[in-house]
PDB file of N, CA and C in Angstrom:
ATOM      1  N   UNK A   1     -29.175   0.163  -1.424  1.00  0.00           N
ATOM      2  CA  UNK A   1     -27.899  -0.192  -0.822  1.00  0.00           C
ATOM      3  C   UNK A   1     -27.286  -1.386  -1.531  1.00  0.00           C
ATOM      4  N   UNK A   2     -28.073  -2.402  -1.814  1.00  0.00           N
ATOM      5  CA  UNK A   2     -27.517  -3.605  -2.431  1.00  0.00           C
ATOM      6  C   UNK A   2     -27.063  -3.352  -3.862  1.00  0.00           C
ATOM      7  N   UNK A   3     -27.661  -2.358  -4.543  1.00  0.00           N
ATOM      8  CA  UNK A   3     -27.227  -2.068  -5.906  1.00  0.00           C
ATOM      9  C   UNK A   3     -25.821  -1.482  -5.925  1.00  0.00           C
ATOM     10  N   UNK A   4     -25.402  -0.851  -4.830  1.00  0.00           N
ATOM     11  CA  UNK A   4     -24.052  -0.301  -4.759  1.00  0.00           C
ATOM     12  C   UNK A   4     -23.023  -1.370  -4.449  1.00  0.00           C
ATOM     13  N   UNK A   5     -23.451  -2.512  -3.977  1.00  0.00           N
ATOM     14  CA  UNK A   5     -22.534  -3.595  -3.638  1.00  0.00           C
ATOM     15  C   UNK A   5     -22.465  -4.652  -4.727  1.00  0.00           C
ATOM     16  N   UNK A   6     -23.164  -4.450  -5.812  1.00  0.00           N
ATOM     17  CA  UNK A   6     -23.162  -5.455  -6.866  1.00  0.00           C
ATOM     18  C   UNK A   6     -21.857  -5.401  -7.652  1.00  0.00           C
ATOM     19  N   UNK A   7     -21.526  -6.504  -8.270  1.00  0.00           N
ATOM     20  CA  UNK A   7     -20.285  -6.600  -9.038  1.00  0.00           C
ATOM     21  C   UNK A   7     -20.311  -5.638 -10.217  1.00  0.00           C
ATOM     22  N   UNK A   8     -21.440  -5.542 -10.871  1.00  0.00           N
ATOM     23  CA  UNK A   8     -21.558  -4.649 -12.023  1.00  0.00           C
ATOM     24  C   UNK A   8     -21.342  -3.194 -11.655  1.00  0.00           C
ATOM     25  N   UNK A   9     -21.913  -2.782 -10.517  1.00  0.00           N
ATOM     26  CA  UNK A   9     -21.753  -1.401 -10.068  1.00  0.00           C
ATOM     27  C   UNK A   9     -20.292  -1.105  -9.753  1.00  0.00           C
ATOM     28  N   UNK A  10     -19.630  -2.027  -9.079  1.00  0.00           N
ATOM     29  CA  UNK A  10     -18.225  -1.835  -8.726  1.00  0.00           C
ATOM     30  C   UNK A  10     -17.361  -1.780  -9.987  1.00  0.00           C
ATOM     31  N   UNK A  11     -17.623  -2.651 -10.939  1.00  0.00           N
ATOM     32  CA  UNK A  11     -16.856  -2.636 -12.197  1.00  0.00           C
ATOM     33  C   UNK A  11     -17.015  -1.312 -12.926  1.00  0.00           C
ATOM     34  N   UNK A  12     -18.258  -0.814 -12.981  1.00  0.00           N
ATOM     35  CA  UNK A  12     -18.500   0.467 -13.655  1.00  0.00           C
ATOM     36  C   UNK A  12     -17.814   1.610 -12.918  1.00  0.00           C
ATOM     37  N   UNK A  13     -17.837   1.581 -11.587  1.00  0.00           N
ATOM     38  CA  UNK A  13     -17.194   2.639 -10.814  1.00  0.00           C
ATOM     39  C   UNK A  13     -15.681   2.631 -11.011  1.00  0.00           C
ATOM     40  N   UNK A  14     -15.088   1.450 -11.014  1.00  0.00           N
ATOM     41  CA  UNK A  14     -13.643   1.347 -11.242  1.00  0.00           C
ATOM     42  C   UNK A  14     -13.292   1.808 -12.647  1.00  0.00           C
ATOM     43  N   UNK A  15     -14.077   1.395 -13.635  1.00  0.00           N
ATOM     44  CA  UNK A  15     -13.822   1.805 -15.015  1.00  0.00           C
ATOM     45  C   UNK A  15     -13.948   3.319 -15.170  1.00  0.00           C
ATOM     46  N   UNK A  16     -14.948   3.896 -14.533  1.00  0.00           N
ATOM     47  CA  UNK A  16     -15.134   5.346 -14.585  1.00  0.00           C
ATOM     48  C   UNK A  16     -13.933   6.050 -13.940  1.00  0.00           C
ATOM     49  N   UNK A  17     -13.441   5.518 -12.811  1.00  0.00           N
ATOM     50  CA  UNK A  17     -12.271   6.102 -12.164  1.00  0.00           C
ATOM     51  C   UNK A  17     -11.024   6.011 -13.024  1.00  0.00           C
ATOM     52  N   UNK A  18     -10.839   4.859 -13.665  1.00  0.00           N
ATOM     53  CA  UNK A  18      -9.677   4.699 -14.555  1.00  0.00           C
ATOM     54  C   UNK A  18      -9.771   5.624 -15.766  1.00  0.00           C
ATOM     55  N   UNK A  19     -10.969   5.772 -16.310  1.00  0.00           N
ATOM     56  CA  UNK A  19     -11.157   6.685 -17.442  1.00  0.00           C
ATOM     57  C   UNK A  19     -10.856   8.125 -17.035  1.00  0.00           C
ATOM     58  N   UNK A  20     -11.312   8.528 -15.849  1.00  0.00           N
ATOM     59  CA  UNK A  20     -11.032   9.884 -15.359  1.00  0.00           C
ATOM     60  C   UNK A  20      -9.541  10.081 -15.125  1.00  0.00           C
ATOM     61  N   UNK A  21      -8.879   9.074 -14.563  1.00  0.00           N
ATOM     62  CA  UNK A  21      -7.434   9.150 -14.327  1.00  0.00           C
ATOM     63  C   UNK A  21      -6.693   9.280 -15.657  1.00  0.00           C
ATOM     64  N   UNK A  22      -7.096   8.492 -16.621  1.00  0.00           N
ATOM     65  CA  UNK A  22      -6.460   8.541 -17.942  1.00  0.00           C
ATOM     66  C   UNK A  22      -6.625   9.915 -18.573  1.00  0.00           C
ATOM     67  N   UNK A  23      -7.828  10.451 -18.503  1.00  0.00           N
ATOM     68  CA  UNK A  23      -8.075  11.766 -19.089  1.00  0.00           C
ATOM     69  C   UNK A  23      -7.294  12.857 -18.366  1.00  0.00           C
ATOM     70  N   UNK A  24      -7.205  12.770 -17.056  1.00  0.00           N
ATOM     71  CA  UNK A  24      -6.568  13.825 -16.271  1.00  0.00           C
ATOM     72  C   UNK A  24      -5.047  13.794 -16.363  1.00  0.00           C
ATOM     73  N   UNK A  25      -4.451  12.609 -16.362  1.00  0.00           N
ATOM     74  CA  UNK A  25      -2.994  12.513 -16.276  1.00  0.00           C
ATOM     75  C   UNK A  25      -2.326  11.989 -17.545  1.00  0.00           C
ATOM     76  N   UNK A  26      -2.834  10.925 -18.118  1.00  0.00           N
ATOM     77  CA  UNK A  26      -2.161  10.291 -19.255  1.00  0.00           C
ATOM     78  C   UNK A  26      -2.288  11.135 -20.514  1.00  0.00           C
ATOM     79  N   UNK A  27      -3.504  11.544 -20.821  1.00  0.00           N
ATOM     80  CA  UNK A  27      -3.704  12.347 -22.030  1.00  0.00           C
ATOM     81  C   UNK A  27      -3.072  13.723 -21.913  1.00  0.00           C
ATOM     82  N   UNK A  28      -2.872  14.197 -20.701  1.00  0.00           N
ATOM     83  CA  UNK A  28      -2.276  15.518 -20.481  1.00  0.00           C
ATOM     84  C   UNK A  28      -0.752  15.454 -20.424  1.00  0.00           C
ATOM     85  N   UNK A  29      -0.169  14.272 -20.635  1.00  0.00           N
ATOM     86  CA  UNK A  29       1.290  14.086 -20.579  1.00  0.00           C
ATOM     87  C   UNK A  29       1.873  14.578 -19.253  1.00  0.00           C
ATOM     88  N   UNK A  30       1.220  14.219 -18.168  1.00  0.00           N
ATOM     89  CA  UNK A  30       1.655  14.636 -16.844  1.00  0.00           C
ATOM     90  C   UNK A  30       2.709  13.674 -16.299  1.00  0.00           C
ATOM     91  N   UNK A  31       3.572  14.186 -15.434  1.00  0.00           N
ATOM     92  CA  UNK A  31       4.590  13.376 -14.779  1.00  0.00           C
ATOM     93  C   UNK A  31       4.024  12.704 -13.529  1.00  0.00           C
ATOM     94  N   UNK A  32       2.851  13.122 -13.073  1.00  0.00           N
ATOM     95  CA  UNK A  32       2.294  12.626 -11.819  1.00  0.00           C
ATOM     96  C   UNK A  32       2.084  11.112 -11.771  1.00  0.00           C
ATOM     97  N   UNK A  33       1.711  10.432 -12.859  1.00  0.00           N
ATOM     98  CA  UNK A  33       1.588   8.969 -12.750  1.00  0.00           C
ATOM     99  C   UNK A  33       2.892   8.290 -12.320  1.00  0.00           C
ATOM    100  N   UNK A  34       4.021   8.830 -12.719  1.00  0.00           N
ATOM    101  CA  UNK A  34       5.306   8.292 -12.286  1.00  0.00           C
ATOM    102  C   UNK A  34       5.466   8.458 -10.774  1.00  0.00           C
ATOM    103  N   UNK A  35       5.076   9.606 -10.269  1.00  0.00           N
ATOM    104  CA  UNK A  35       5.105   9.821  -8.819  1.00  0.00           C
ATOM    105  C   UNK A  35       4.167   8.856  -8.111  1.00  0.00           C
ATOM    106  N   UNK A  36       2.992   8.638  -8.682  1.00  0.00           N
ATOM    107  CA  UNK A  36       2.029   7.727  -8.064  1.00  0.00           C
ATOM    108  C   UNK A  36       2.610   6.317  -7.963  1.00  0.00           C
ATOM    109  N   UNK A  37       3.275   5.879  -9.004  1.00  0.00           N
ATOM    110  CA  UNK A  37       3.876   4.539  -9.004  1.00  0.00           C
ATOM    111  C   UNK A  37       5.017   4.474  -7.984  1.00  0.00           C
ATOM    112  N   UNK A  38       5.874   5.481  -7.966  1.00  0.00           N
ATOM    113  CA  UNK A  38       7.019   5.472  -7.045  1.00  0.00           C
ATOM    114  C   UNK A  38       6.567   5.501  -5.592  1.00  0.00           C
ATOM    115  N   UNK A  39       5.710   6.438  -5.253  1.00  0.00           N
ATOM    116  CA  UNK A  39       5.263   6.545  -3.862  1.00  0.00           C
ATOM    117  C   UNK A  39       4.387   5.361  -3.472  1.00  0.00           C
ATOM    118  N   UNK A  40       3.574   4.887  -4.391  1.00  0.00           N
ATOM    119  CA  UNK A  40       2.774   3.697  -4.114  1.00  0.00           C
ATOM    120  C   UNK A  40       3.649   2.482  -3.868  1.00  0.00           C
ATOM    121  N   UNK A  41       4.729   2.350  -4.630  1.00  0.00           N
ATOM    122  CA  UNK A  41       5.671   1.247  -4.421  1.00  0.00           C
ATOM    123  C   UNK A  41       6.366   1.339  -3.081  1.00  0.00           C
ATOM    124  N   UNK A  42       6.712   2.550  -2.672  1.00  0.00           N
ATOM    125  CA  UNK A  42       7.358   2.716  -1.368  1.00  0.00           C
ATOM    126  C   UNK A  42       6.404   2.356  -0.233  1.00  0.00           C
ATOM    127  N   UNK A  43       5.170   2.798  -0.329  1.00  0.00           N
ATOM    128  CA  UNK A  43       4.184   2.495   0.703  1.00  0.00           C
ATOM    129  C   UNK A  43       3.924   0.988   0.752  1.00  0.00           C
ATOM    130  N   UNK A  44       3.788   0.373  -0.412  1.00  0.00           N
ATOM    131  CA  UNK A  44       3.541  -1.069  -0.472  1.00  0.00           C
ATOM    132  C   UNK A  44       4.706  -1.846   0.140  1.00  0.00           C
ATOM    133  N   UNK A  45       5.934  -1.494  -0.199  1.00  0.00           N
ATOM    134  CA  UNK A  45       7.081  -2.226   0.342  1.00  0.00           C
ATOM    135  C   UNK A  45       7.203  -2.019   1.849  1.00  0.00           C
ATOM    136  N   UNK A  46       6.875  -0.824   2.328  1.00  0.00           N
ATOM    137  CA  UNK A  46       6.890  -0.575   3.767  1.00  0.00           C
ATOM    138  C   UNK A  46       5.865  -1.463   4.465  1.00  0.00           C
ATOM    139  N   UNK A  47       4.661  -1.546   3.922  1.00  0.00           N
ATOM    140  CA  UNK A  47       3.619  -2.360   4.541  1.00  0.00           C
ATOM    141  C   UNK A  47       3.966  -3.843   4.519  1.00  0.00           C
ATOM    142  N   UNK A  48       4.619  -4.295   3.461  1.00  0.00           N
ATOM    143  CA  UNK A  48       5.017  -5.697   3.378  1.00  0.00           C
ATOM    144  C   UNK A  48       6.097  -6.003   4.415  1.00  0.00           C
ATOM    145  N   UNK A  49       7.045  -5.099   4.596  1.00  0.00           N
ATOM    146  CA  UNK A  49       8.153  -5.326   5.522  1.00  0.00           C
ATOM    147  C   UNK A  49       7.772  -5.057   6.975  1.00  0.00           C
ATOM    148  N   UNK A  50       6.658  -4.387   7.204  1.00  0.00           N
ATOM    149  CA  UNK A  50       6.287  -3.987   8.555  1.00  0.00           C
ATOM    150  C   UNK A  50       6.107  -5.180   9.493  1.00  0.00           C
ATOM    151  N   UNK A  51       5.461  -6.229   9.043  1.00  0.00           N
ATOM    152  CA  UNK A  51       5.239  -7.385   9.921  1.00  0.00           C
ATOM    153  C   UNK A  51       6.566  -8.042  10.315  1.00  0.00           C
ATOM    154  N   UNK A  52       7.476  -8.129   9.386  1.00  0.00           N
ATOM    155  CA  UNK A  52       8.785  -8.706   9.681  1.00  0.00           C
ATOM    156  C   UNK A  52       9.550  -7.847  10.679  1.00  0.00           C
ATOM    157  N   UNK A  53       9.498  -6.546  10.514  1.00  0.00           N
ATOM    158  CA  UNK A  53      10.190  -5.645  11.436  1.00  0.00           C
ATOM    159  C   UNK A  53       9.582  -5.719  12.833  1.00  0.00           C
ATOM    160  N   UNK A  54       8.275  -5.817  12.910  1.00  0.00           N
ATOM    161  CA  UNK A  54       7.622  -5.936  14.218  1.00  0.00           C
ATOM    162  C   UNK A  54       8.025  -7.234  14.904  1.00  0.00           C
ATOM    163  N   UNK A  55       8.137  -8.305  14.140  1.00  0.00           N
ATOM    164  CA  UNK A  55       8.550  -9.589  14.698  1.00  0.00           C
ATOM    165  C   UNK A  55       9.965  -9.489  15.262  1.00  0.00           C
ATOM    166  N   UNK A  56      10.867  -8.830  14.542  1.00  0.00           N
ATOM    167  CA  UNK A  56      12.237  -8.646  15.021  1.00  0.00           C
ATOM    168  C   UNK A  56      12.258  -7.814  16.294  1.00  0.00           C
ATOM    169  N   UNK A  57      11.455  -6.752  16.342  1.00  0.00           N
ATOM    170  CA  UNK A  57      11.411  -5.902  17.519  1.00  0.00           C
ATOM    171  C   UNK A  57      10.886  -6.667  18.732  1.00  0.00           C
ATOM    172  N   UNK A  58       9.832  -7.454  18.558  1.00  0.00           N
ATOM    173  CA  UNK A  58       9.297  -8.249  19.662  1.00  0.00           C
ATOM    174  C   UNK A  58      10.327  -9.266  20.157  1.00  0.00           C
ATOM    175  N   UNK A  59      11.056  -9.871  19.236  1.00  0.00           N
ATOM    176  CA  UNK A  59      12.086 -10.827  19.616  1.00  0.00           C
ATOM    177  C   UNK A  59      13.192 -10.129  20.415  1.00  0.00           C
ATOM    178  N   UNK A  60      13.585  -8.955  19.962  1.00  0.00           N
ATOM    179  CA  UNK A  60      14.625  -8.201  20.654  1.00  0.00           C
ATOM    180  C   UNK A  60      14.161  -7.809  22.051  1.00  0.00           C
ATOM    181  N   UNK A  61      12.933  -7.341  22.179  1.00  0.00           N
ATOM    182  CA  UNK A  61      12.404  -6.953  23.485  1.00  0.00           C
ATOM    183  C   UNK A  61      12.302  -8.158  24.415  1.00  0.00           C
ATOM    184  N   UNK A  62      11.891  -9.281  23.887  1.00  0.00           N
ATOM    185  CA  UNK A  62      11.798 -10.498  24.688  1.00  0.00           C
ATOM    186  C   UNK A  62      13.185 -10.915  25.183  1.00  0.00           C
ATOM    187  N   UNK A  63      14.179 -10.841  24.298  1.00  0.00           N
ATOM    188  CA  UNK A  63      15.548 -11.216  24.674  1.00  0.00           C
ATOM    189  C   UNK A  63      16.094 -10.272  25.732  1.00  0.00           C
ATOM    190  N   UNK A  64      15.810  -8.980  25.613  1.00  0.00           N
ATOM    191  CA  UNK A  64      16.285  -8.024  26.606  1.00  0.00           C
ATOM    192  C   UNK A  64      15.586  -8.231  27.944  1.00  0.00           C
ATOM    193  N   UNK A  65      14.317  -8.567  27.911  1.00  0.00           N
ATOM    194  CA  UNK A  65      13.541  -8.765  29.129  1.00  0.00           C
ATOM    195  C   UNK A  65      14.032  -9.971  29.923  1.00  0.00           C
ATOM    196  N   UNK A  66      14.402 -11.025  29.232  1.00  0.00           N
ATOM    197  CA  UNK A  66      14.798 -12.254  29.899  1.00  0.00           C
ATOM    198  C   UNK A  66      16.310 -12.452  29.946  1.00  0.00           C
ATOM    199  N   UNK A  67      17.055 -11.407  29.641  1.00  0.00           N
ATOM    200  CA  UNK A  67      18.494 -11.421  29.838  1.00  0.00           C
ATOM    201  C   UNK A  67      19.284 -12.167  28.789  1.00  0.00           C
ATOM    202  N   UNK A  68      18.748 -12.418  27.635  1.00  0.00           N
ATOM    203  CA  UNK A  68      19.523 -13.052  26.572  1.00  0.00           C
ATOM    204  C   UNK A  68      20.460 -12.014  25.981  1.00  0.00           C
ATOM    205  N   UNK A  69      21.630 -12.451  25.633  1.00  0.00           N
ATOM    206  CA  UNK A  69      22.622 -11.526  25.109  1.00  0.00           C
ATOM    207  C   UNK A  69      22.705 -11.680  23.601  1.00  0.00           C
ATOM    208  N   UNK A  70      23.409 -10.768  22.992  1.00  0.00           N
ATOM    209  CA  UNK A  70      23.581 -10.816  21.550  1.00  0.00           C
ATOM    210  C   UNK A  70      22.866  -9.677  20.854  1.00  0.00           C
ATOM    211  N   UNK A  71      22.058  -8.924  21.584  1.00  0.00           N
ATOM    212  CA  UNK A  71      21.376  -7.766  21.013  1.00  0.00           C
ATOM    213  C   UNK A  71      21.942  -6.514  21.659  1.00  0.00           C
ATOM    214  N   UNK A  72      22.070  -5.495  20.888  1.00  0.00           N
ATOM    215  CA  UNK A  72      22.568  -4.216  21.406  1.00  0.00           C
ATOM    216  C   UNK A  72      21.518  -3.176  21.225  1.00  0.00           C
TER     217      UNK A  72
END
């Protein structure tokens, strides 16, 4: 178990994954890496903005609950 958690094992696993990705998509001149970047960017930006949106929603709900005006 501890050999799977070592830094060397993780580095080799990541390198093996990157090599497989390169062989499957880059060397094959596939368009899929572009899709991976685009969709990954959308997911990342959504996750970054999610906390801010939740804060706004909680503020709006609090204002509606206690009768503050200015929100529709």
